[in-house]
Protein backbone atom coordinates (compact mmCIF):
# COMPACT_ATOMS: atom_id res chain seq x y z
CA MET A 1 -17.69 -15.39 6.73
CA PHE A 2 -14.02 -16.25 6.56
CA ASN A 3 -11.83 -15.54 9.56
CA ARG A 4 -10.60 -11.98 9.65
CA PHE A 5 -7.17 -11.32 8.22
CA ARG A 6 -4.32 -12.14 10.56
CA LYS A 7 -2.35 -9.36 12.17
CA SER A 8 1.03 -8.72 10.63
CA GLU A 9 4.10 -10.13 12.30
CA PRO A 10 6.01 -7.31 14.04
CA LYS A 11 9.42 -8.67 13.10
CA LYS A 12 8.59 -8.46 9.41
CA ILE A 13 7.69 -4.78 9.62
CA GLU A 14 10.58 -4.05 11.96
CA GLN A 15 13.18 -5.73 9.78
CA SER A 16 11.92 -4.15 6.57
CA LEU A 17 12.21 -0.67 8.08
CA THR A 18 15.75 -1.10 9.36
CA ARG A 19 17.35 1.09 6.68
CA THR A 20 14.71 3.82 7.02
CA ARG A 21 14.94 3.84 10.81
CA GLU A 22 18.73 3.86 10.95
CA SER A 23 19.20 6.49 8.26
CA VAL A 24 16.65 9.24 8.76
CA PHE A 25 14.03 8.56 11.39
CA GLY A 26 16.69 7.72 13.95
CA ARG A 27 18.05 11.22 13.40
CA ILE A 28 14.54 12.65 13.78
CA ALA A 29 14.16 10.84 17.10
CA ARG A 30 17.47 12.28 18.28
CA LEU A 31 16.28 15.79 17.46
CA PHE A 32 13.97 15.55 20.46
CA GLY A 33 16.47 13.98 22.81
CA GLY A 34 17.13 17.06 24.92
CA ARG A 35 15.19 19.46 27.08
CA GLY A 36 15.93 22.54 25.05
CA GLU A 37 13.47 24.94 23.56
CA VAL A 38 11.23 24.07 20.66
CA GLY A 39 12.58 26.76 18.39
CA GLU A 40 13.02 27.60 14.74
CA ALA A 41 16.19 25.52 14.41
CA LEU A 42 14.33 22.40 15.49
CA TRP A 43 11.50 22.98 13.00
CA GLU A 44 13.94 23.57 10.15
CA SER A 45 15.90 20.41 10.99
CA LEU A 46 12.71 18.36 11.24
CA GLU A 47 11.48 19.64 7.89
CA GLU A 48 14.79 18.85 6.21
CA LEU A 49 14.90 15.30 7.60
CA LEU A 50 11.30 14.53 6.65
CA ILE A 51 12.00 15.57 3.07
CA GLN A 52 15.13 13.41 3.07
CA ALA A 53 12.95 10.49 4.20
CA ASP A 54 10.78 10.98 1.07
CA VAL A 55 7.77 12.21 2.98
CA GLY A 56 7.51 14.81 0.21
CA VAL A 57 7.44 18.59 0.32
CA PRO A 58 3.63 19.15 0.43
CA THR A 59 3.12 16.55 3.15
CA THR A 60 6.14 17.74 5.13
CA VAL A 61 5.07 21.38 5.05
CA ALA A 62 1.54 20.49 6.19
CA LEU A 63 2.83 18.19 8.93
CA VAL A 64 5.36 20.64 10.36
CA GLU A 65 2.82 23.47 10.29
CA ARG A 66 0.34 21.38 12.23
CA LEU A 67 3.01 20.47 14.78
CA ARG A 68 3.94 24.14 15.15
CA GLN A 69 0.29 24.96 15.90
CA ARG A 70 -0.01 22.19 18.45
CA ALA A 71 3.27 23.05 20.12
CA ALA A 72 2.26 26.69 20.49
CA LYS A 73 -1.30 25.99 21.56
CA GLU A 74 -0.52 23.16 23.97
CA LYS A 75 2.86 24.57 25.11
CA LEU A 76 4.69 21.36 24.24
CA GLY A 77 8.29 20.59 25.09
CA GLN A 78 10.63 18.55 22.91
CA ALA A 79 9.51 15.15 24.21
CA ALA A 80 5.85 16.08 23.81
CA VAL A 81 6.48 17.33 20.26
CA GLN A 82 8.01 13.97 19.34
CA GLN A 83 4.94 12.23 20.75
CA ALA A 84 2.71 14.60 18.80
CA LEU A 85 4.70 13.87 15.65
CA GLN A 86 4.07 10.16 16.05
CA GLU A 87 0.38 10.79 16.67
CA GLU A 88 0.09 12.88 13.53
CA LEU A 89 1.94 10.30 11.44
CA ARG A 90 -0.39 7.56 12.67
CA GLY A 91 -3.40 9.72 11.89
CA MET A 92 -2.05 10.46 8.43
CA LEU A 93 -1.87 6.74 7.70
CA GLY A 94 -5.50 6.22 8.54
CA VAL A 95 -5.79 5.80 12.31
CA PRO A 96 -7.96 8.51 13.88
CA SER A 97 -5.57 10.77 15.78
CA SER A 98 -8.02 11.04 18.70
CA LYS A 99 -7.21 7.40 19.49
CA PHE A 100 -3.69 8.41 20.42
CA GLN A 101 -4.18 11.88 21.85
CA VAL A 102 -4.71 12.83 25.46
CA PRO A 103 -7.84 15.03 25.63
CA SER A 104 -6.90 18.64 26.17
CA SER A 105 -8.98 21.40 27.71
CA ARG A 106 -7.30 23.77 25.27
CA GLY A 107 -9.00 22.05 22.36
CA GLN A 108 -7.52 20.24 19.38
CA VAL A 109 -6.11 21.47 16.12
CA PRO A 110 -8.09 20.25 13.08
CA SER A 111 -6.73 17.18 11.28
CA LEU A 112 -4.39 17.53 8.32
CA LYS A 113 -6.86 15.69 6.10
CA PRO A 114 -10.02 13.60 6.56
CA GLN A 115 -9.08 9.98 7.14
CA PRO A 116 -9.40 7.84 4.00
CA ALA A 117 -11.95 5.05 3.95
CA THR A 118 -10.30 1.65 4.12
CA GLY A 119 -12.33 0.08 1.31
CA ASP A 120 -11.48 -3.16 3.06
CA ARG A 121 -13.93 -5.75 1.73
CA ARG A 122 -13.34 -9.34 2.79
CA PRO A 123 -14.09 -12.71 1.19
CA GLU A 124 -17.29 -14.51 2.15
CA THR A 125 -17.93 -18.23 2.11
CA GLY A 126 -19.45 -19.42 -1.16
CA LYS A 127 -18.85 -16.15 -3.02
CA LEU A 128 -16.11 -15.49 -5.53
CA PHE A 129 -13.84 -12.65 -4.36
CA VAL A 130 -12.14 -10.84 -7.25
CA ILE A 131 -8.93 -8.84 -6.81
CA LEU A 132 -7.56 -6.67 -9.61
CA VAL A 133 -3.84 -5.93 -9.27
CA VAL A 134 -2.48 -2.91 -11.14
CA GLY A 135 0.88 -1.17 -11.29
CA VAL A 136 3.81 -0.26 -13.50
CA ASN A 137 6.06 -3.07 -14.69
CA GLY A 138 9.11 -3.47 -12.49
CA THR A 139 7.37 -2.52 -9.26
CA GLY A 140 7.27 -6.11 -8.04
CA LYS A 141 3.68 -6.63 -9.18
CA THR A 142 3.96 -10.29 -10.17
CA THR A 143 5.89 -11.22 -7.05
CA SER A 144 3.33 -9.37 -4.94
CA ILE A 145 0.55 -11.36 -6.60
CA ALA A 146 2.29 -14.59 -5.63
CA LYS A 147 2.69 -13.38 -2.04
CA LEU A 148 -0.96 -12.29 -1.96
CA ALA A 149 -2.01 -15.73 -3.23
CA ARG A 150 0.03 -17.43 -0.52
CA TYR A 151 -1.50 -15.08 2.04
CA HIS A 152 -5.05 -16.08 1.09
CA GLN A 153 -4.12 -19.74 0.94
CA GLN A 154 -2.90 -19.49 4.51
CA GLN A 155 -6.41 -18.29 5.38
CA GLY A 156 -7.79 -21.54 3.94
CA ARG A 157 -8.95 -20.10 0.61
CA LYS A 158 -8.68 -21.63 -2.86
CA VAL A 159 -6.91 -19.18 -5.16
CA LEU A 160 -6.86 -18.88 -8.95
CA LEU A 161 -4.61 -16.51 -10.93
CA ALA A 162 -5.39 -14.80 -14.23
CA ALA A 163 -2.52 -13.74 -16.52
CA ALA A 164 -4.13 -10.69 -18.14
CA ASP A 165 -0.79 -8.90 -18.66
CA THR A 166 -0.63 -10.17 -22.23
CA PHE A 167 1.45 -7.32 -23.66
CA ARG A 168 4.66 -7.89 -21.71
CA ALA A 169 7.03 -10.54 -22.99
CA ALA A 170 7.21 -13.58 -20.71
CA ALA A 171 4.63 -12.15 -18.29
CA GLU A 172 2.47 -15.25 -18.56
CA GLU A 173 5.47 -17.55 -18.02
CA GLN A 174 6.58 -15.54 -15.00
CA LEU A 175 3.15 -15.71 -13.39
CA THR A 176 2.90 -19.44 -14.19
CA VAL A 177 6.20 -20.11 -12.43
CA TRP A 178 5.01 -18.22 -9.36
CA GLY A 179 1.68 -20.06 -9.53
CA GLN A 180 3.51 -23.38 -9.44
CA ARG A 181 5.53 -22.24 -6.44
CA VAL A 182 2.44 -21.37 -4.44
CA GLY A 183 0.30 -24.19 -5.79
CA ALA A 184 -2.25 -22.00 -7.58
CA ASP A 185 -3.57 -22.62 -11.11
CA VAL A 186 -3.04 -19.89 -13.71
CA ILE A 187 -5.46 -19.09 -16.55
CA ALA A 188 -3.54 -17.71 -19.53
CA HIS A 189 -3.72 -17.20 -23.30
CA GLN A 190 -1.05 -16.65 -25.89
CA PRO A 191 1.11 -13.48 -25.68
CA GLY A 192 -0.67 -10.52 -27.25
CA ALA A 193 -4.12 -11.98 -26.64
CA ASP A 194 -7.09 -9.86 -25.58
CA PRO A 195 -6.78 -9.30 -21.80
CA GLY A 196 -10.57 -9.17 -21.53
CA ALA A 197 -10.84 -12.65 -23.01
CA VAL A 198 -8.33 -13.98 -20.49
CA VAL A 199 -10.34 -12.47 -17.64
CA PHE A 200 -13.60 -13.90 -19.01
CA ASP A 201 -12.13 -17.40 -19.16
CA ALA A 202 -10.62 -17.00 -15.70
CA LEU A 203 -14.01 -16.07 -14.26
CA GLN A 204 -15.63 -19.12 -15.88
CA ALA A 205 -12.87 -21.34 -14.52
CA ALA A 206 -13.21 -19.80 -11.06
CA PHE A 207 -16.93 -20.60 -10.96
CA ALA A 208 -16.41 -24.15 -12.26
CA ARG A 209 -13.62 -24.90 -9.76
CA LYS A 210 -15.43 -23.31 -6.81
CA THR A 211 -12.60 -20.82 -6.32
CA ASP A 212 -12.69 -18.48 -3.35
CA VAL A 213 -10.30 -15.78 -4.60
CA LEU A 214 -9.46 -14.80 -8.18
CA ILE A 215 -6.40 -12.55 -8.52
CA ILE A 216 -6.04 -10.82 -11.89
CA ASP A 217 -2.63 -9.61 -13.10
CA THR A 218 -2.90 -6.65 -15.49
CA ALA A 219 -0.65 -4.85 -17.95
CA GLY A 220 1.71 -2.29 -16.47
CA ARG A 221 2.84 -0.28 -19.49
CA LEU A 222 1.50 1.39 -22.60
CA HIS A 223 1.39 -0.71 -25.74
CA THR A 224 1.74 0.57 -29.29
CA LYS A 225 -1.79 -0.45 -30.24
CA TYR A 226 -3.58 -0.15 -26.95
CA ASN A 227 -4.09 2.46 -24.30
CA LEU A 228 -3.26 0.94 -20.95
CA MET A 229 -5.90 2.80 -18.99
CA GLU A 230 -8.63 1.89 -21.47
CA GLU A 231 -7.62 -1.76 -21.16
CA LEU A 232 -7.96 -1.57 -17.39
CA LYS A 233 -11.42 -0.09 -17.72
CA LYS A 234 -12.34 -2.82 -20.17
CA ILE A 235 -11.16 -5.55 -17.81
CA LYS A 236 -13.25 -4.04 -15.05
CA ARG A 237 -16.34 -4.10 -17.30
CA VAL A 238 -15.74 -7.76 -18.19
CA VAL A 239 -15.50 -8.63 -14.50
CA GLN A 240 -18.66 -6.76 -13.57
CA LYS A 241 -20.72 -8.54 -16.23
CA GLN A 242 -20.01 -11.80 -14.42
CA VAL A 243 -19.80 -10.50 -10.85
CA PRO A 244 -21.65 -7.15 -10.64
CA GLU A 245 -20.15 -6.09 -7.30
CA ALA A 246 -16.59 -6.93 -8.38
CA PRO A 247 -13.73 -6.21 -8.37
CA HIS A 248 -13.93 -6.36 -4.60
CA GLN A 249 -10.42 -5.00 -4.26
CA VAL A 250 -8.22 -3.07 -6.67
CA LEU A 251 -4.69 -3.13 -5.33
CA LEU A 252 -2.05 -0.78 -6.72
CA VAL A 253 1.52 -2.07 -6.33
CA ILE A 254 4.04 0.70 -5.68
CA ASP A 255 7.80 0.22 -5.51
CA ALA A 256 8.93 1.92 -2.29
CA THR A 257 12.41 2.45 -3.71
CA THR A 258 11.16 4.79 -6.48
CA GLY A 259 10.04 7.44 -4.01
CA GLN A 260 8.15 10.45 -5.28
CA ASN A 261 8.12 9.11 -8.84
CA ALA A 262 5.71 6.45 -7.63
CA LEU A 263 3.11 9.12 -6.87
CA VAL A 264 2.98 10.25 -10.50
CA GLN A 265 2.40 6.70 -11.68
CA ALA A 266 -0.13 6.04 -8.95
CA ARG A 267 -2.28 9.02 -9.93
CA GLN A 268 -2.56 7.70 -13.48
CA PHE A 269 -3.89 4.36 -12.28
CA THR A 270 -6.34 5.91 -9.85
CA GLN A 271 -7.81 7.87 -12.76
CA ALA A 272 -8.45 4.65 -14.70
CA VAL A 273 -9.76 2.38 -11.96
CA GLU A 274 -11.03 2.89 -8.44
CA VAL A 275 -8.02 1.77 -6.42
CA THR A 276 -9.03 0.57 -2.97
CA GLY A 277 -5.65 -0.17 -1.46
CA ILE A 278 -1.89 0.13 -1.88
CA VAL A 279 0.68 -2.66 -1.82
CA LEU A 280 3.99 -1.08 -0.85
CA ALA A 281 6.58 -3.44 -2.33
CA LYS A 282 10.34 -3.58 -1.68
CA LEU A 283 10.02 -1.69 1.60
CA ASP A 284 13.13 -3.47 2.86
CA GLY A 285 15.16 -2.08 -0.05
CA THR A 286 14.83 1.61 0.72
CA ALA A 287 16.08 4.04 3.34
CA LYS A 288 13.23 6.39 2.44
CA GLY A 289 10.18 4.61 3.84
CA GLY A 290 8.64 8.00 4.49
CA ILE A 291 7.06 7.68 1.04
CA ALA A 292 4.26 5.79 2.80
CA PHE A 293 3.00 9.02 4.36
CA ALA A 294 3.04 10.93 1.08
CA ILE A 295 1.19 8.12 -0.69
CA VAL A 296 -1.68 7.96 1.78
CA ARG A 297 -2.06 11.69 2.28
CA GLU A 298 -1.78 12.73 -1.36
CA LEU A 299 -3.75 9.84 -2.88
CA GLY A 300 -6.24 9.35 -0.04
CA ILE A 301 -5.84 5.57 -0.42
CA PRO A 302 -4.80 3.32 2.47
CA ILE A 303 -1.83 0.99 2.40
CA GLN A 304 -3.10 -2.56 2.91
CA PHE A 305 -0.01 -4.74 2.48
CA VAL A 306 3.75 -4.36 2.44
CA GLY A 307 6.42 -6.49 0.84
CA THR A 308 9.09 -7.04 3.46
CA GLY A 309 11.63 -9.13 1.55
CA GLU A 310 12.22 -11.45 -1.39
CA LYS A 311 10.72 -14.68 -0.03
CA LEU A 312 7.10 -15.71 -0.53
CA ASP A 313 6.29 -15.25 3.14
CA ASP A 314 7.90 -11.79 3.28
CA TRP A 315 4.50 -10.15 3.32
CA ALA A 316 2.51 -8.40 6.01
CA GLU A 317 -0.71 -6.56 6.56
CA PHE A 318 -0.01 -2.90 7.05
CA ASP A 319 -0.39 -1.83 10.66
CA THR A 320 -0.09 1.92 11.21
CA GLY A 321 0.80 1.81 14.88
CA GLU A 322 3.44 -0.83 14.24
CA PHE A 323 4.86 1.09 11.29
CA VAL A 324 5.23 4.42 13.07
CA GLY A 325 6.36 2.86 16.34
CA THR A 326 9.10 0.95 14.55
CA LEU A 327 10.39 4.08 12.83
CA PHE A 328 10.99 5.70 16.23
CA ALA A 329 12.08 2.57 18.10
């Protein structure tokens, strides 16, 4: 078995959340700076700020209601409510809330939602690991693929890329340029070619070259002659004929700067393929990083990686404790 994935570097997460922390979550932290009562004004202000942070109305309403219940049941003051807020946010992102809570004789309020399974399968020595990357064009999908390739290379793995986004002009050239930058070969056909044929050839090349990780780029928009979602299903079938248990990961790239609009797009992809993890790209470019909470709670899919900048190494594993802690630092 390969070594387990490295922990993310705190500075990368911290720096990418600077705008979010300084704009909204800093104001949330200041809400709980006094020793006053936990009253209606505080709840209304918290709700307003969470919505401004792009946490989303459904998630915000559920979160604030749960905090109200805890505050009343456990007789929490302002400082304790802030701590409870952080606990709930961690739990929402996939860390069991009991890990952060002090046991209470008064009992615990039920969780907002069952924690999503991580779906975190890892490469094994001698076995081809196939990753399908999906997402709307313009989300940073191709750049994220390059960063993901570099990430696996740093773990000592041989990576091959497949340019199956054959409908977008210059998509193959763009992926080839990134492949050259990271030192990974790219399997590609002519523009407009059958994506399934590209994937088939990429699989054959991966076996012949003893590749550890095959990362497949896919189309991110509807084409006049093809239905995007049907193409994704077809690609998945082609992969499974060669590697029955694959794809081992299906990563959906979401642009953090698009906020709630990203959820609509994400739902469409999850209907076509079984997405196992989210890549939250361009996190450094938004002041509304609260979208992370809406994504996980409403889609039930964990965030696995975040793009923290424009450089190849601006990439980190998603760490829930680090993420929430940084927001309130």
